[in-house]
Amino acid sequence: MYESPYVFRASETSFSEGSSNLKVKEARMLNGMTLRYQERQPGPRNDGPWCQTGHSVFVVSGRVLYEFHNHVVELGPGDMAHIPSGAEHAHRPSVAGQEPACYFLTEFGD
């Protein structure tokens, strides 16, 4: 079968440790786009730095919380979100509940 720069074979890719409660499969695609499959374990709410990178997210299982400066959004299986880049959209993710959250994330290059 032909290998293509348009395909990311996540099923054949190993996880890397993003942090103690986060495993990531990542592919850098054409034009600076990054695709990620992430498995985030429950734990304390993220108190790390605020992310200012833009993302589109699709939740497969579990529940993900995105904390913004002025509100919190909870996403569940089948939910999608798009968070633009920039300080005014800064956010921190965490897991709601006791089930791990599995989701796809697309990060667009400049």
N, C-alpha and C. Protein backbone atom coordinates (compact mmCIF):
# COMPACT_ATOMS: atom_id res chain seq x y z
N MET A 1 0.84 -1.18 0.00
CA MET A 1 0.00 0.00 0.00
C MET A 1 0.88 1.24 0.00
N TYR A 2 0.45 2.26 -0.69
CA TYR A 2 1.20 3.50 -0.82
C TYR A 2 1.17 4.29 0.49
N GLU A 3 2.31 4.76 0.94
CA GLU A 3 2.38 5.65 2.11
C GLU A 3 2.13 7.07 1.64
N SER A 4 1.35 7.79 2.38
CA SER A 4 0.94 9.13 1.97
C SER A 4 1.23 10.14 3.07
N PRO A 5 1.64 11.36 2.70
CA PRO A 5 1.86 12.41 3.71
C PRO A 5 0.55 12.90 4.31
N TYR A 6 -0.59 12.43 3.79
CA TYR A 6 -1.89 12.86 4.28
C TYR A 6 -2.43 11.93 5.38
N VAL A 7 -1.73 10.84 5.66
CA VAL A 7 -2.22 9.82 6.58
C VAL A 7 -1.33 9.73 7.82
N PHE A 8 -1.96 9.68 8.99
CA PHE A 8 -1.27 9.44 10.26
C PHE A 8 -1.80 8.12 10.81
N ARG A 9 -0.95 7.12 10.89
CA ARG A 9 -1.35 5.80 11.36
C ARG A 9 -1.16 5.73 12.88
N ALA A 10 -2.12 6.31 13.59
CA ALA A 10 -2.05 6.34 15.06
C ALA A 10 -2.02 4.93 15.64
N SER A 11 -2.70 3.99 14.98
CA SER A 11 -2.72 2.61 15.48
C SER A 11 -1.34 1.97 15.47
N GLU A 12 -0.43 2.50 14.68
CA GLU A 12 0.93 1.96 14.59
C GLU A 12 1.96 2.83 15.30
N THR A 13 1.49 3.84 16.02
CA THR A 13 2.38 4.80 16.68
C THR A 13 2.36 4.57 18.18
N SER A 14 3.52 4.67 18.82
CA SER A 14 3.61 4.51 20.27
C SER A 14 3.19 5.78 20.98
N PHE A 15 2.73 5.62 22.21
CA PHE A 15 2.42 6.76 23.05
C PHE A 15 3.69 7.41 23.56
N SER A 16 3.66 8.72 23.73
CA SER A 16 4.70 9.43 24.47
C SER A 16 4.03 10.00 25.70
N GLU A 17 4.80 10.20 26.75
CA GLU A 17 4.26 10.75 27.98
C GLU A 17 4.26 12.26 27.89
N GLY A 18 3.07 12.88 27.87
CA GLY A 18 2.95 14.32 27.87
C GLY A 18 3.16 14.87 29.27
N SER A 19 2.70 14.11 30.27
CA SER A 19 2.88 14.42 31.69
C SER A 19 2.52 13.16 32.46
N SER A 20 2.48 13.23 33.78
CA SER A 20 2.20 12.03 34.57
C SER A 20 0.79 11.49 34.33
N ASN A 21 -0.14 12.34 33.88
CA ASN A 21 -1.50 11.86 33.64
C ASN A 21 -1.94 11.99 32.18
N LEU A 22 -0.99 12.17 31.26
CA LEU A 22 -1.33 12.37 29.86
C LEU A 22 -0.42 11.55 28.95
N LYS A 23 -1.06 10.74 28.06
CA LYS A 23 -0.34 10.00 27.03
C LYS A 23 -0.77 10.56 25.68
N VAL A 24 0.19 10.69 24.75
CA VAL A 24 -0.07 11.37 23.48
C VAL A 24 0.51 10.57 22.31
N LYS A 25 -0.26 10.50 21.22
CA LYS A 25 0.24 10.07 19.92
C LYS A 25 0.16 11.30 19.04
N GLU A 26 1.28 11.68 18.42
CA GLU A 26 1.34 12.95 17.70
C GLU A 26 1.93 12.79 16.32
N ALA A 27 1.34 13.51 15.36
CA ALA A 27 1.88 13.56 14.00
C ALA A 27 1.92 14.99 13.54
N ARG A 28 3.05 15.39 12.98
CA ARG A 28 3.18 16.71 12.35
C ARG A 28 2.89 16.52 10.87
N MET A 29 1.88 17.21 10.40
CA MET A 29 1.41 17.03 9.03
C MET A 29 1.90 18.18 8.15
N LEU A 30 1.47 18.18 6.91
CA LEU A 30 1.83 19.23 5.96
C LEU A 30 1.35 20.59 6.46
N ASN A 31 2.03 21.64 6.07
CA ASN A 31 1.64 23.02 6.38
C ASN A 31 1.58 23.33 7.87
N GLY A 32 2.35 22.60 8.67
CA GLY A 32 2.44 22.91 10.09
C GLY A 32 1.31 22.40 10.96
N MET A 33 0.37 21.63 10.42
CA MET A 33 -0.72 21.09 11.22
C MET A 33 -0.20 19.94 12.07
N THR A 34 -0.69 19.86 13.31
CA THR A 34 -0.36 18.76 14.20
C THR A 34 -1.64 18.03 14.57
N LEU A 35 -1.62 16.70 14.45
CA LEU A 35 -2.73 15.86 14.88
C LEU A 35 -2.30 15.11 16.13
N ARG A 36 -3.20 15.04 17.12
CA ARG A 36 -2.88 14.32 18.35
C ARG A 36 -4.06 13.46 18.78
N TYR A 37 -3.73 12.27 19.28
CA TYR A 37 -4.70 11.46 20.02
C TYR A 37 -4.20 11.50 21.45
N GLN A 38 -5.07 11.88 22.39
CA GLN A 38 -4.64 12.05 23.78
C GLN A 38 -5.52 11.23 24.71
N GLU A 39 -4.88 10.61 25.70
CA GLU A 39 -5.58 9.93 26.79
C GLU A 39 -5.15 10.62 28.07
N ARG A 40 -6.11 11.30 28.70
CA ARG A 40 -5.83 12.07 29.92
C ARG A 40 -6.51 11.37 31.10
N GLN A 41 -5.75 11.11 32.15
CA GLN A 41 -6.27 10.45 33.34
C GLN A 41 -6.87 11.47 34.31
N PRO A 42 -7.86 11.02 35.11
CA PRO A 42 -8.40 11.92 36.12
C PRO A 42 -7.31 12.33 37.11
N GLY A 43 -7.49 13.46 37.70
CA GLY A 43 -6.53 13.97 38.67
C GLY A 43 -6.94 15.37 39.07
N PRO A 44 -6.09 16.03 39.80
CA PRO A 44 -6.42 17.40 40.20
C PRO A 44 -6.56 18.30 38.98
N ARG A 45 -7.37 19.32 39.12
CA ARG A 45 -7.55 20.28 38.03
C ARG A 45 -6.20 20.88 37.66
N ASN A 46 -5.98 21.04 36.39
CA ASN A 46 -4.71 21.57 35.86
C ASN A 46 -4.45 22.96 36.41
N ASP A 47 -3.31 23.12 37.07
CA ASP A 47 -2.94 24.45 37.56
C ASP A 47 -1.65 24.92 36.89
N GLY A 48 -1.32 24.27 35.77
CA GLY A 48 -0.12 24.63 35.01
C GLY A 48 -0.35 25.89 34.20
N PRO A 49 0.56 26.17 33.30
CA PRO A 49 0.44 27.39 32.48
C PRO A 49 -0.78 27.34 31.57
N TRP A 50 -1.28 28.49 31.23
CA TRP A 50 -2.41 28.61 30.32
C TRP A 50 -1.92 28.37 28.89
N CYS A 51 -2.64 27.53 28.15
CA CYS A 51 -2.33 27.26 26.75
C CYS A 51 -2.98 28.35 25.89
N GLN A 52 -2.21 28.90 24.95
CA GLN A 52 -2.74 29.93 24.06
C GLN A 52 -2.77 29.45 22.60
N THR A 53 -2.52 28.16 22.40
CA THR A 53 -2.53 27.58 21.07
C THR A 53 -3.96 27.25 20.67
N GLY A 54 -4.31 27.45 19.42
CA GLY A 54 -5.63 27.10 18.94
C GLY A 54 -5.77 25.61 18.69
N HIS A 55 -6.94 25.06 19.00
CA HIS A 55 -7.20 23.63 18.84
C HIS A 55 -8.62 23.41 18.34
N SER A 56 -8.80 22.33 17.60
CA SER A 56 -10.11 21.74 17.38
C SER A 56 -10.07 20.39 18.07
N VAL A 57 -11.13 20.06 18.80
CA VAL A 57 -11.15 18.88 19.66
C VAL A 57 -12.38 18.03 19.35
N PHE A 58 -12.21 16.70 19.35
CA PHE A 58 -13.31 15.75 19.26
C PHE A 58 -13.14 14.73 20.38
N VAL A 59 -14.12 14.64 21.28
CA VAL A 59 -14.03 13.72 22.42
C VAL A 59 -14.61 12.37 22.03
N VAL A 60 -13.82 11.31 22.27
CA VAL A 60 -14.23 9.95 21.97
C VAL A 60 -14.91 9.33 23.19
N SER A 61 -14.28 9.46 24.37
CA SER A 61 -14.85 8.90 25.61
C SER A 61 -14.38 9.73 26.79
N GLY A 62 -15.12 9.60 27.89
CA GLY A 62 -14.81 10.38 29.08
C GLY A 62 -15.30 11.81 28.93
N ARG A 63 -14.89 12.65 29.88
CA ARG A 63 -15.34 14.04 29.87
C ARG A 63 -14.13 14.94 30.10
N VAL A 64 -14.01 15.99 29.26
CA VAL A 64 -12.89 16.93 29.34
C VAL A 64 -13.43 18.29 29.77
N LEU A 65 -12.74 18.90 30.72
CA LEU A 65 -13.05 20.27 31.13
C LEU A 65 -12.03 21.19 30.49
N TYR A 66 -12.49 22.30 29.92
CA TYR A 66 -11.59 23.36 29.47
C TYR A 66 -11.90 24.58 30.32
N GLU A 67 -10.92 24.97 31.10
CA GLU A 67 -11.04 26.16 31.94
C GLU A 67 -10.52 27.36 31.17
N PHE A 68 -11.35 28.39 31.07
CA PHE A 68 -10.97 29.67 30.48
C PHE A 68 -10.91 30.69 31.60
N HIS A 69 -10.44 31.88 31.33
CA HIS A 69 -10.34 32.90 32.37
C HIS A 69 -11.70 33.27 32.96
N ASN A 70 -12.76 33.18 32.17
CA ASN A 70 -14.06 33.63 32.66
C ASN A 70 -15.14 32.56 32.67
N HIS A 71 -14.83 31.31 32.30
CA HIS A 71 -15.81 30.23 32.37
C HIS A 71 -15.14 28.88 32.18
N VAL A 72 -15.91 27.81 32.43
CA VAL A 72 -15.44 26.43 32.24
C VAL A 72 -16.44 25.73 31.32
N VAL A 73 -15.91 24.94 30.37
CA VAL A 73 -16.74 24.18 29.44
C VAL A 73 -16.45 22.70 29.66
N GLU A 74 -17.50 21.88 29.70
CA GLU A 74 -17.35 20.43 29.82
C GLU A 74 -17.79 19.78 28.52
N LEU A 75 -16.93 18.92 27.96
CA LEU A 75 -17.21 18.19 26.73
C LEU A 75 -17.30 16.71 27.03
N GLY A 76 -18.23 16.02 26.37
CA GLY A 76 -18.38 14.57 26.54
C GLY A 76 -18.27 13.87 25.20
N PRO A 77 -18.47 12.54 25.19
CA PRO A 77 -18.33 11.76 23.97
C PRO A 77 -19.17 12.33 22.82
N GLY A 78 -18.53 12.52 21.68
CA GLY A 78 -19.19 13.04 20.50
C GLY A 78 -19.19 14.56 20.41
N ASP A 79 -18.80 15.24 21.49
CA ASP A 79 -18.74 16.70 21.46
C ASP A 79 -17.49 17.17 20.73
N MET A 80 -17.64 18.31 20.05
CA MET A 80 -16.52 18.95 19.36
C MET A 80 -16.43 20.39 19.82
N ALA A 81 -15.23 20.93 19.78
CA ALA A 81 -15.02 22.34 20.12
C ALA A 81 -13.89 22.88 19.27
N HIS A 82 -13.92 24.18 19.04
CA HIS A 82 -12.80 24.86 18.41
C HIS A 82 -12.43 26.03 19.30
N ILE A 83 -11.17 26.06 19.72
CA ILE A 83 -10.65 27.13 20.56
C ILE A 83 -9.63 27.89 19.72
N PRO A 84 -9.89 29.15 19.39
CA PRO A 84 -8.93 29.94 18.61
C PRO A 84 -7.64 30.18 19.40
N SER A 85 -6.59 30.53 18.70
CA SER A 85 -5.33 30.85 19.37
C SER A 85 -5.37 32.27 19.92
N GLY A 86 -4.49 32.54 20.88
CA GLY A 86 -4.37 33.89 21.42
C GLY A 86 -4.65 33.96 22.91
N ALA A 87 -4.13 34.99 23.54
CA ALA A 87 -4.26 35.18 24.99
C ALA A 87 -5.71 35.29 25.43
N GLU A 88 -6.56 35.88 24.60
CA GLU A 88 -7.97 36.04 24.98
C GLU A 88 -8.73 34.72 25.00
N HIS A 89 -8.12 33.64 24.45
CA HIS A 89 -8.74 32.32 24.43
C HIS A 89 -7.92 31.31 25.25
N ALA A 90 -7.04 31.80 26.12
CA ALA A 90 -6.18 30.92 26.92
C ALA A 90 -7.03 29.93 27.71
N HIS A 91 -6.53 28.70 27.84
CA HIS A 91 -7.30 27.63 28.45
C HIS A 91 -6.39 26.60 29.12
N ARG A 92 -6.99 25.80 30.02
CA ARG A 92 -6.29 24.69 30.66
C ARG A 92 -7.24 23.49 30.69
N PRO A 93 -6.79 22.32 30.17
CA PRO A 93 -7.65 21.14 30.16
C PRO A 93 -7.48 20.30 31.42
N SER A 94 -8.54 19.58 31.77
CA SER A 94 -8.49 18.57 32.83
C SER A 94 -9.63 17.59 32.58
N VAL A 95 -9.71 16.54 33.39
CA VAL A 95 -10.73 15.50 33.23
C VAL A 95 -11.83 15.72 34.27
N ALA A 96 -13.08 15.61 33.83
CA ALA A 96 -14.22 15.64 34.74
C ALA A 96 -14.60 14.21 35.08
N GLY A 97 -14.74 13.89 36.34
CA GLY A 97 -15.13 12.54 36.75
C GLY A 97 -13.94 11.62 36.94
N GLN A 98 -14.24 10.33 37.06
CA GLN A 98 -13.21 9.33 37.38
C GLN A 98 -12.76 8.51 36.17
N GLU A 99 -13.40 8.68 35.02
CA GLU A 99 -13.05 7.95 33.81
C GLU A 99 -12.02 8.72 33.01
N PRO A 100 -11.00 8.04 32.47
CA PRO A 100 -10.05 8.74 31.58
C PRO A 100 -10.77 9.36 30.39
N ALA A 101 -10.25 10.44 29.88
CA ALA A 101 -10.80 11.09 28.70
C ALA A 101 -9.91 10.78 27.50
N CYS A 102 -10.52 10.35 26.40
CA CYS A 102 -9.80 10.06 25.16
C CYS A 102 -10.36 11.00 24.10
N TYR A 103 -9.45 11.71 23.41
CA TYR A 103 -9.91 12.70 22.44
C TYR A 103 -8.86 12.96 21.38
N PHE A 104 -9.35 13.47 20.24
CA PHE A 104 -8.48 13.89 19.14
C PHE A 104 -8.39 15.41 19.16
N LEU A 105 -7.23 15.90 18.83
CA LEU A 105 -6.98 17.33 18.84
C LEU A 105 -6.22 17.70 17.57
N THR A 106 -6.65 18.74 16.91
CA THR A 106 -5.96 19.26 15.73
C THR A 106 -5.45 20.65 16.06
N GLU A 107 -4.18 20.87 15.81
CA GLU A 107 -3.56 22.17 16.06
C GLU A 107 -3.06 22.70 14.71
N PHE A 108 -3.52 23.88 14.35
CA PHE A 108 -3.19 24.41 13.04
C PHE A 108 -1.94 25.27 13.11
N GLY A 109 -1.06 25.15 12.12
CA GLY A 109 0.15 25.96 12.05
C GLY A 109 -0.18 27.36 11.59
N ASP A 110 0.79 28.23 11.69
CA ASP A 110 0.61 29.62 11.28
C ASP A 110 0.73 29.79 9.78
